[in-house]
Amino acid sequence: MLHDGSNYRMYFFKGSTNNKLYQFAWNGKSYAYGHNSIPELTLTNIPADADAGSFSMVHSGKLYHLYLRRLGDPTTLYQFLYVPGTSNYKYAQPPAIPTLTCTGFPSDTDWARWMMLHDNNAYRLYAFKLGSNTQFYQSSFNGSTYAYGHNSMPVLNLEGTPANCNLSSAAMLHDNAAYRFYMQTV
């Protein structure tokens, strides 16, 4: 999920693909497929060892970013940017830094549950603590890496989670007013 200054957006991989995304936007009542959106997006120039099992999206105020992790090394991120005038997100599209790393995270970081956002000040990456549904770790980009605790509260707590939530997958965004956390129900 992301907020681009105008729309709240939600994305899903098209079934049985690793390079096609469906795009939805909030229409005032629900997230509607293709509403104020390009309905289907394509990832291009994907590295051979990219893990399409999960992804994160960010809008930085000007650019749309998409991140995949390296297969077998979830602390390495591949950055894609939306190519204006197309329906493509391209790996290594200038001015993106193609490959980014995450450093300093505790050894009990649950890299299967990670999220990213941009809050107008910093690019931030979050990952749950292994075995916990209430604590997650925060980092921000320091110019060369996503450094645990850099310009961040290192540990955040999730409170008041409804009992029917599936915390195996979550998303965060910043909408220029608040940090928002989303999860699916079971």
Protein backbone atom coordinates (compact mmCIF):
# COMPACT_ATOMS: atom_id res chain seq x y z
CA MET A 1 0.00 0.00 0.00
CA LEU A 2 1.00 3.62 -0.41
CA HIS A 3 -0.36 7.14 -0.46
CA ASP A 4 0.81 9.33 -3.33
CA GLY A 5 -0.48 12.67 -2.11
CA SER A 6 -3.80 12.18 -3.89
CA ASN A 7 -4.83 8.55 -3.61
CA TYR A 8 -4.53 5.66 -1.19
CA ARG A 9 -3.32 2.75 -3.33
CA MET A 10 -3.21 -1.01 -2.82
CA TYR A 11 -1.36 -3.61 -4.92
CA PHE A 12 -1.46 -7.38 -5.38
CA PHE A 13 0.48 -9.73 -7.60
CA LYS A 14 -1.59 -11.19 -10.41
CA GLY A 15 -2.04 -14.90 -9.67
CA SER A 16 0.71 -17.23 -10.94
CA THR A 17 2.97 -14.34 -11.99
CA ASN A 18 6.06 -12.72 -10.53
CA ASN A 19 5.98 -9.62 -12.73
CA LYS A 20 2.35 -8.42 -12.95
CA LEU A 21 0.61 -6.29 -10.32
CA TYR A 22 -3.01 -5.27 -9.98
CA GLN A 23 -3.53 -1.69 -8.78
CA PHE A 24 -6.47 -0.44 -6.71
CA ALA A 25 -7.30 3.00 -5.29
CA TRP A 26 -9.70 4.14 -2.59
CA ASN A 27 -12.93 5.48 -4.14
CA GLY A 28 -14.44 6.77 -0.90
CA LYS A 29 -16.13 3.46 -0.04
CA SER A 30 -13.68 0.72 -0.94
CA TYR A 31 -10.46 -0.07 -2.79
CA ALA A 32 -11.58 -0.35 -6.40
CA TYR A 33 -9.57 -2.12 -9.10
CA GLY A 34 -8.26 0.39 -11.65
CA HIS A 35 -9.88 3.40 -9.93
CA ASN A 36 -7.69 6.46 -10.72
CA SER A 37 -5.03 3.89 -11.60
CA ILE A 38 -3.34 1.91 -14.30
CA PRO A 39 -5.14 -1.41 -13.63
CA GLU A 40 -2.21 -3.71 -14.39
CA LEU A 41 1.48 -2.92 -13.93
CA THR A 42 4.53 -4.88 -15.09
CA LEU A 43 7.89 -5.33 -13.37
CA THR A 44 10.75 -5.29 -15.86
CA ASN A 45 14.47 -6.06 -15.75
CA ILE A 46 13.92 -8.27 -12.67
CA PRO A 47 17.14 -9.74 -11.23
CA ALA A 48 17.24 -13.54 -11.48
CA ASP A 49 17.52 -13.93 -7.69
CA ALA A 50 14.69 -11.56 -6.78
CA ASP A 51 12.13 -12.98 -4.33
CA ALA A 52 8.63 -12.15 -5.53
CA GLY A 53 7.12 -13.78 -2.42
CA SER A 54 6.56 -10.32 -0.94
CA PHE A 55 7.10 -6.73 -1.97
CA SER A 56 6.74 -3.21 -0.65
CA MET A 57 5.71 0.02 -2.32
CA VAL A 58 6.60 3.63 -1.48
CA HIS A 59 5.75 7.02 -2.91
CA SER A 60 8.51 9.51 -2.15
CA GLY A 61 6.62 12.65 -3.08
CA LYS A 62 7.77 12.50 -6.69
CA LEU A 63 8.52 8.88 -7.56
CA TYR A 64 6.80 5.52 -7.14
CA HIS A 65 9.18 2.87 -5.77
CA LEU A 66 8.78 -0.90 -5.55
CA TYR A 67 11.08 -3.18 -3.56
CA LEU A 68 11.76 -6.91 -3.77
CA ARG A 69 14.18 -8.79 -1.54
CA ARG A 70 17.01 -11.00 -2.70
CA LEU A 71 16.14 -14.70 -2.55
CA GLY A 72 18.03 -16.22 0.39
CA ASP A 73 19.17 -12.79 1.62
CA PRO A 74 16.21 -10.71 2.82
CA THR A 75 18.53 -7.90 3.98
CA THR A 76 19.28 -7.03 0.35
CA LEU A 77 16.61 -5.06 -1.50
CA TYR A 78 16.15 -4.53 -5.21
CA GLN A 79 14.63 -1.14 -6.05
CA PHE A 80 12.33 -0.57 -9.02
CA LEU A 81 10.90 2.77 -10.13
CA TYR A 82 7.76 3.49 -12.08
CA VAL A 83 8.60 4.62 -15.63
CA PRO A 84 6.31 7.62 -16.35
CA GLY A 85 4.06 7.26 -19.37
CA THR A 86 4.15 3.44 -19.24
CA SER A 87 2.68 0.67 -17.12
CA ASN A 88 6.15 -0.49 -16.03
CA TYR A 89 8.20 -0.57 -12.86
CA LYS A 90 11.81 -1.08 -13.93
CA TYR A 91 14.69 -2.39 -11.83
CA ALA A 92 17.69 -0.03 -11.84
CA GLN A 93 15.64 2.78 -13.41
CA PRO A 94 17.53 6.05 -12.78
CA PRO A 95 17.70 7.81 -10.39
CA ALA A 96 17.07 4.76 -8.15
CA ILE A 97 19.89 3.04 -6.31
CA PRO A 98 19.42 -0.46 -7.76
CA THR A 99 20.48 -2.53 -4.75
CA LEU A 100 20.13 -1.53 -1.11
CA THR A 101 21.05 -3.25 2.14
CA CYS A 102 19.56 -3.42 5.64
CA THR A 103 22.07 -3.33 8.49
CA GLY A 104 22.16 -3.58 12.27
CA PHE A 105 18.85 -5.37 12.74
CA PRO A 106 18.55 -7.73 15.72
CA SER A 107 19.11 -11.45 15.02
CA ASP A 108 15.45 -12.17 15.82
CA THR A 109 14.11 -10.03 12.96
CA ASP A 110 11.26 -11.73 11.09
CA TRP A 111 12.16 -10.84 7.51
CA ALA A 112 9.01 -12.59 6.22
CA ARG A 113 6.97 -9.72 7.71
CA TRP A 114 8.40 -6.43 6.46
CA MET A 115 6.97 -3.10 5.28
CA MET A 116 8.22 0.23 3.99
CA LEU A 117 7.02 3.82 3.73
CA HIS A 118 8.22 7.34 3.06
CA ASP A 119 7.07 9.99 5.55
CA ASN A 120 8.28 13.11 3.71
CA ASN A 121 11.43 13.08 5.84
CA ALA A 122 12.84 9.58 5.51
CA TYR A 123 12.52 6.27 3.74
CA ARG A 124 11.65 3.76 6.48
CA LEU A 125 11.72 -0.02 6.67
CA TYR A 126 9.94 -2.08 9.34
CA ALA A 127 10.12 -5.77 10.21
CA PHE A 128 8.38 -7.70 12.96
CA LYS A 129 10.25 -9.33 15.80
CA LEU A 130 10.33 -13.09 15.26
CA GLY A 131 7.54 -14.77 17.23
CA SER A 132 5.84 -11.48 18.12
CA ASN A 133 2.62 -10.01 16.80
CA THR A 134 3.02 -6.83 18.84
CA GLN A 135 6.61 -5.64 18.33
CA PHE A 136 8.39 -4.58 15.18
CA TYR A 137 11.71 -2.97 14.38
CA GLN A 138 12.24 0.34 12.57
CA SER A 139 15.05 1.64 10.40
CA SER A 140 15.54 4.50 8.00
CA PHE A 141 17.76 5.10 5.02
CA ASN A 142 20.98 6.89 6.04
CA GLY A 143 22.24 7.60 2.52
CA SER A 144 23.82 4.22 1.97
CA THR A 145 21.81 1.58 3.88
CA TYR A 146 18.59 0.99 5.82
CA ALA A 147 20.16 1.22 9.29
CA TYR A 148 18.30 -0.21 12.26
CA GLY A 149 17.33 2.57 14.67
CA HIS A 150 18.76 5.33 12.47
CA ASN A 151 16.60 8.45 12.83
CA SER A 152 13.94 6.13 14.28
CA MET A 153 12.48 4.59 17.39
CA PRO A 154 14.15 1.17 17.13
CA VAL A 155 11.22 -0.84 18.53
CA LEU A 156 7.55 -0.06 18.00
CA ASN A 157 4.55 -1.71 19.64
CA LEU A 158 1.27 -2.63 18.02
CA GLU A 159 -1.68 -2.23 20.40
CA GLY A 160 -5.38 -3.08 20.23
CA THR A 161 -5.10 -5.51 17.34
CA PRO A 162 -8.48 -7.13 16.60
CA ALA A 163 -8.54 -10.90 17.23
CA ASN A 164 -9.45 -11.70 13.60
CA CYS A 165 -6.30 -10.15 12.07
CA ASN A 166 -3.81 -12.04 9.96
CA LEU A 167 -0.46 -10.60 10.98
CA SER A 168 1.47 -12.75 8.52
CA SER A 169 1.06 -9.89 6.08
CA ALA A 170 0.83 -6.19 6.87
CA ALA A 171 1.44 -2.84 5.16
CA MET A 172 2.18 0.69 6.28
CA LEU A 173 1.92 4.09 4.67
CA HIS A 174 2.24 7.74 5.56
CA ASP A 175 -0.40 10.07 4.11
CA ASN A 176 1.22 13.42 5.02
CA ALA A 177 -0.81 13.46 8.23
CA ALA A 178 -0.44 10.09 9.97
CA TYR A 179 1.38 6.78 9.93
CA ARG A 180 -1.12 4.06 9.00
CA PHE A 181 -0.84 0.31 9.60
CA TYR A 182 -2.96 -2.21 7.66
CA MET A 183 -3.52 -5.92 8.00
CA GLN A 184 -5.95 -8.40 6.53
CA THR A 185 -8.60 -10.26 8.47
CA VAL A 186 -8.77 -14.04 8.69
